Structure formats: structure tokens, C-alpha cells
């Protein structure tokens, strides 16, 4: 049975959602504040967190940052904030999915199940992905180039793994937004472009002089082995 930490300050929404999630088969730990949420992450050991942003004592984005500073616990943001910039910011900060109110308990539970499938250890690749001198390990979430470990944030690693695991294949920005940012409805291509720029810098290359990350104009981007290209 899935154990969920539900962080929602509105008592009516919290009560209704907790009851609905329980009917969906979850064990729900409902809390109303950021302080209670941080304590419950440690004491209740939930499988996932459903997080509202408008909390009375601390913004939910700060709660997300505190969770991410110490764990990869799946977090589904569930909020009324619907601005695309805010959605991208929270996903970049480590949210695993983003739901905009109003929504049903069934929708929340479906998103939670999807997140748990993606993050379950059994769902991860067992083997490292090796492309030339680039090594990406999805289990330890580390990447190295020519034996030197790369310092990547969460989304940079996810983006690199999404591309490296399909080396030689052109991946569209829409595919990357769906897979890395969980935005299957589309979003700002600029988000992908910015992260690609950061990755290129850390790989020691540029868009005009690529080695591993090769853009295909009008189509997408691919990872290649520079020794064979």
C-alpha cells in the first residue's frame, strides 16, 4: 500500500483529498504546515509527497528545496498556481510532477503511481550508459567524462541520461520536455535550450563546436561518440 504525505493547509481540501486518496488505496498522512511536513518526511517515511505551495508558515517551494537537499523522495506539487514559469521553476527545482487545481483524488493517485513507477529502483537501468569517454550511471546518478566526475544538477543529469541512453538517435525537444520535465502537453523550448547550454559547458564544448551534444536543426538533439563521428 502506498504511504502518502499530504501537505495542504486548507482543512476542507485536506480532509476531502485525504478521504479520496484513502479510497484509492493509499495510506495518507495529512499535515497543514511546512514544519509538520518536514518532520513527517523523517518520522513517517512516506513513499511520496503531495505538496501544496500556499502554506501558512513557509512557501511550498522552500519545502521542496528542503526535501531535495536530503533525499530523492518523489514529490507531486498540487497547487492553484498555473503560470508556466512557475511550473518550469518547480520542475527544475526537483518536483517530479505538477498538478493544477481543481483535480480529483483519482487524478492525484494516478500521477503518484506514475511517479513511483518512474522512480522505483527496479525501473532504473541496471547498467551504465557509455558513449566514448562519457559514462552515465542511472543507479548512482553520476556522470563522468574522461574519468572526471561531472557536477550536474537533477535536471541536467536527467537530460543527459535521456539523450545518452539513446545515443545516435535524434530526440525532439517535445520528447525531452515530456520525459525530463513531465510536460507531455508541450512547453517552452527555451527550457531545453538553456539546460543543453549548461550541459555543453560542463562537457567542455559549445553549440558551434559540439563533441557529444549535436543539434539537428529543426528536429532536435542527439548524443554521439566524437571518436566515431
Protein backbone atom coordinates (compact mmCIF):
# COMPACT_ATOMS: atom_id res chain seq x y z
CA UNK A 1 0.00 0.00 0.00
CA UNK A 2 1.34 3.46 -0.93
CA UNK A 3 2.03 5.76 2.01
CA UNK A 4 1.44 9.41 1.07
CA UNK A 5 2.33 12.59 2.92
CA UNK A 6 -0.37 15.12 2.02
CA UNK A 7 0.68 18.72 2.66
CA UNK A 8 -2.35 21.03 2.32
CA UNK A 9 -3.27 23.98 4.54
CA UNK A 10 -6.96 24.26 3.54
CA UNK A 11 -8.81 21.99 6.01
CA UNK A 12 -11.71 21.20 3.65
CA UNK A 13 -9.43 20.30 0.73
CA UNK A 14 -7.11 18.35 3.02
CA UNK A 15 -9.97 16.35 4.52
CA UNK A 16 -11.66 15.66 1.17
CA UNK A 17 -8.43 14.75 -0.60
CA UNK A 18 -7.22 12.54 2.25
CA UNK A 19 -10.50 10.65 2.21
CA UNK A 20 -10.43 10.29 -1.58
CA UNK A 21 -6.82 9.10 -1.64
CA UNK A 22 -7.66 6.61 1.08
CA UNK A 23 -10.47 5.28 -1.09
CA UNK A 24 -7.91 4.94 -3.88
CA UNK A 25 -5.91 2.58 -1.67
CA UNK A 26 -3.35 4.92 -0.14
CA UNK A 27 -2.40 5.36 3.49
CA UNK A 28 -2.49 9.14 3.95
CA UNK A 29 -0.60 11.25 6.47
CA UNK A 30 -2.24 14.72 6.27
CA UNK A 31 -0.43 17.83 7.56
CA UNK A 32 -1.21 21.53 7.28
CA UNK A 33 2.14 23.33 7.60
CA UNK A 34 5.69 23.24 6.28
CA UNK A 35 7.12 22.48 9.71
CA UNK A 36 4.80 19.48 10.09
CA UNK A 37 5.72 18.35 6.58
CA UNK A 38 9.48 18.39 7.19
CA UNK A 39 9.05 16.48 10.46
CA UNK A 40 6.74 13.94 8.80
CA UNK A 41 9.21 13.26 5.97
CA UNK A 42 11.62 11.91 8.58
CA UNK A 43 9.20 10.33 11.04
CA UNK A 44 6.52 8.88 8.75
CA UNK A 45 8.80 7.66 5.91
CA UNK A 46 6.25 8.23 3.12
CA UNK A 47 6.61 6.74 -0.35
CA UNK A 48 5.73 10.09 -1.93
CA UNK A 49 4.64 13.64 -1.06
CA UNK A 50 1.66 15.56 -2.43
CA UNK A 51 2.64 19.19 -1.81
CA UNK A 52 0.59 22.38 -1.89
CA UNK A 53 2.60 25.58 -2.35
CA UNK A 54 0.49 28.09 -0.41
CA UNK A 55 1.38 27.08 3.14
CA UNK A 56 0.96 29.43 6.11
CA UNK A 57 4.48 29.22 7.55
CA UNK A 58 6.74 28.62 4.54
CA UNK A 59 6.25 28.53 0.79
CA UNK A 60 5.89 25.01 -0.61
CA UNK A 61 8.80 25.69 -2.97
CA UNK A 62 11.05 26.02 0.08
CA UNK A 63 9.68 22.74 1.45
CA UNK A 64 10.56 21.11 -1.86
CA UNK A 65 14.09 22.51 -1.64
CA UNK A 66 14.49 21.14 1.90
CA UNK A 67 13.29 17.69 0.81
CA UNK A 68 15.58 17.71 -2.21
CA UNK A 69 18.59 18.72 -0.12
CA UNK A 70 18.50 15.35 1.62
CA UNK A 71 16.54 12.84 -0.48
CA UNK A 72 15.07 11.79 -3.81
CA UNK A 73 11.63 11.26 -2.25
CA UNK A 74 9.07 11.65 -5.08
CA UNK A 75 7.16 14.95 -4.82
CA UNK A 76 3.98 15.81 -6.73
CA UNK A 77 3.19 19.52 -6.48
CA UNK A 78 -0.58 20.10 -6.28
CA UNK A 79 -1.46 23.78 -6.34
CA UNK A 80 -3.59 26.54 -7.83
CA UNK A 81 -0.56 28.28 -9.35
CA UNK A 82 -0.82 27.76 -13.10
CA UNK A 83 1.81 30.10 -14.58
CA UNK A 84 4.13 28.24 -16.98
CA UNK A 85 7.20 29.96 -15.50
CA UNK A 86 6.26 28.70 -12.03
CA UNK A 87 5.62 25.17 -13.32
CA UNK A 88 9.01 25.05 -15.04
CA UNK A 89 10.74 26.53 -11.99
CA UNK A 90 9.31 23.89 -9.65
CA UNK A 91 10.06 21.01 -12.03
CA UNK A 92 13.61 22.30 -12.43
CA UNK A 93 13.87 22.53 -8.63
CA UNK A 94 13.14 18.82 -8.31
CA UNK A 95 9.37 18.29 -8.39
CA UNK A 96 8.52 15.00 -10.09
CA UNK A 97 5.13 16.17 -11.37
CA UNK A 98 2.81 19.19 -11.18
CA UNK A 99 -0.99 19.23 -10.84
CA UNK A 100 -3.12 22.37 -11.11
CA UNK A 101 -6.27 22.71 -9.01
CA UNK A 102 -9.04 21.68 -9.27
CA UNK A 103 -8.34 17.95 -9.52
CA UNK A 104 -9.79 14.73 -8.20
CA UNK A 105 -8.23 12.26 -5.80
CA UNK A 106 -8.17 9.74 -8.65
CA UNK A 107 -6.07 12.13 -10.77
CA UNK A 108 -3.64 12.72 -7.92
CA UNK A 109 -3.31 8.99 -7.28
CA UNK A 110 -2.71 8.29 -10.98
CA UNK A 111 0.11 10.85 -11.03
CA UNK A 112 1.58 9.40 -7.85
CA UNK A 113 1.55 5.88 -9.31
CA UNK A 114 3.23 7.14 -12.49
CA UNK A 115 5.94 8.92 -10.49
CA UNK A 116 6.56 5.85 -8.35
CA UNK A 117 6.92 3.70 -11.48
CA UNK A 118 9.50 6.12 -12.89
CA UNK A 119 11.49 6.36 -9.67
CA UNK A 120 11.31 2.76 -8.45
CA UNK A 121 14.78 1.12 -8.31
CA UNK A 122 13.55 -1.80 -10.45
CA UNK A 123 12.53 0.64 -13.15
CA UNK A 124 16.03 2.09 -13.46
CA UNK A 125 18.62 0.81 -15.86
CA UNK A 126 20.95 -1.77 -14.31
CA UNK A 127 23.93 -0.85 -16.43
CA UNK A 128 25.88 2.30 -17.07
CA UNK A 129 25.50 4.07 -20.39
CA UNK A 130 28.87 4.57 -22.08
CA UNK A 131 29.35 6.83 -25.10
CA UNK A 132 33.01 7.34 -25.94
CA UNK A 133 34.64 8.71 -22.78
CA UNK A 134 31.27 9.73 -21.33
CA UNK A 135 29.83 7.41 -18.65
CA UNK A 136 26.34 7.91 -17.19
CA UNK A 137 25.18 5.74 -14.27
CA UNK A 138 21.42 5.97 -13.58
CA UNK A 139 21.63 3.99 -10.34
CA UNK A 140 24.21 6.18 -8.58
CA UNK A 141 23.06 9.20 -10.62
CA UNK A 142 26.63 10.11 -11.52
CA UNK A 143 28.25 11.01 -14.80
CA UNK A 144 31.90 11.29 -15.73
CA UNK A 145 33.88 12.43 -18.74
CA UNK A 146 37.39 11.08 -19.35
CA UNK A 147 37.40 9.80 -15.77
CA UNK A 148 36.42 13.18 -14.27
CA UNK A 149 33.09 13.29 -12.45
CA UNK A 150 30.71 15.94 -13.73
CA UNK A 151 28.82 18.20 -11.32
CA UNK A 152 25.25 18.08 -12.59
CA UNK A 153 22.01 19.23 -11.03
CA UNK A 154 18.96 16.96 -11.06
CA UNK A 155 17.55 18.09 -14.42
CA UNK A 156 20.94 18.25 -16.12
CA UNK A 157 21.56 14.61 -15.18
CA UNK A 158 18.06 13.53 -16.30
CA UNK A 159 18.55 15.35 -19.62
CA UNK A 160 21.99 13.83 -20.20
CA UNK A 161 20.75 10.32 -19.37
CA UNK A 162 17.69 10.72 -21.63
CA UNK A 163 19.99 11.59 -24.54
CA UNK A 164 22.92 9.26 -23.78
CA UNK A 165 20.65 6.24 -23.39
CA UNK A 166 19.56 6.85 -27.00
CA UNK A 167 23.00 7.65 -28.39
CA UNK A 168 22.93 8.34 -32.11
CA UNK A 169 19.15 8.93 -32.10
CA UNK A 170 17.77 12.43 -32.66
CA UNK A 171 15.45 13.31 -29.75
CA UNK A 172 13.00 16.17 -30.19
CA UNK A 173 12.58 18.94 -27.66
CA UNK A 174 8.95 17.90 -27.20
CA UNK A 175 10.12 14.39 -26.27
CA UNK A 176 12.62 15.83 -23.82
CA UNK A 177 10.00 18.11 -22.23
CA UNK A 178 7.71 15.10 -21.77
CA UNK A 179 10.39 12.75 -20.41
CA UNK A 180 12.59 15.05 -18.34
CA UNK A 181 10.16 17.78 -17.30
CA UNK A 182 6.96 15.66 -17.36
CA UNK A 183 5.31 18.19 -19.68
CA UNK A 184 3.66 15.99 -22.35
CA UNK A 185 1.43 18.91 -23.36
CA UNK A 186 4.48 20.82 -24.55
CA UNK A 187 6.19 23.83 -23.06
CA UNK A 188 8.93 26.35 -23.65
CA UNK A 189 11.69 25.07 -25.94
CA UNK A 190 13.85 27.65 -24.19
CA UNK A 191 13.86 25.43 -21.09
CA UNK A 192 15.56 22.64 -23.06
CA UNK A 193 17.91 25.07 -24.80
CA UNK A 194 19.11 26.57 -21.51
CA UNK A 195 19.80 23.17 -19.97
CA UNK A 196 21.58 21.99 -23.12
CA UNK A 197 23.75 25.10 -22.92
CA UNK A 198 24.65 24.29 -19.30
CA UNK A 199 25.42 20.67 -20.22
CA UNK A 200 27.64 21.70 -23.12
CA UNK A 201 29.62 23.98 -20.82
CA UNK A 202 30.20 21.13 -18.37
CA UNK A 203 31.16 18.78 -21.22
CA UNK A 204 33.68 21.35 -22.44
CA UNK A 205 32.01 22.08 -25.76
CA UNK A 206 29.81 24.67 -27.46
CA UNK A 207 26.85 24.58 -29.82
CA UNK A 208 29.07 25.80 -32.66
CA UNK A 209 31.81 23.26 -31.86
CA UNK A 210 29.97 20.22 -30.44
CA UNK A 211 31.57 16.96 -29.40
CA UNK A 212 28.87 14.90 -27.67
CA UNK A 213 25.72 17.06 -27.96
CA UNK A 214 24.90 17.61 -31.62
CA UNK A 215 21.88 19.70 -32.60
CA UNK A 216 19.95 18.80 -35.74
CA UNK A 217 18.32 21.99 -36.95
CA UNK A 218 14.55 21.86 -36.90
CA UNK A 219 14.48 18.36 -35.44
CA UNK A 220 16.19 18.03 -32.06
CA UNK A 221 19.46 16.92 -30.49
CA UNK A 222 21.48 13.72 -30.20
CA UNK A 223 24.43 12.38 -28.26
CA UNK A 224 27.26 11.00 -30.40
CA UNK A 225 30.63 9.37 -29.78
CA UNK A 226 33.10 12.00 -31.03
CA UNK A 227 35.67 9.33 -31.84
CA UNK A 228 33.37 7.83 -34.47
CA UNK A 229 31.59 10.93 -35.79
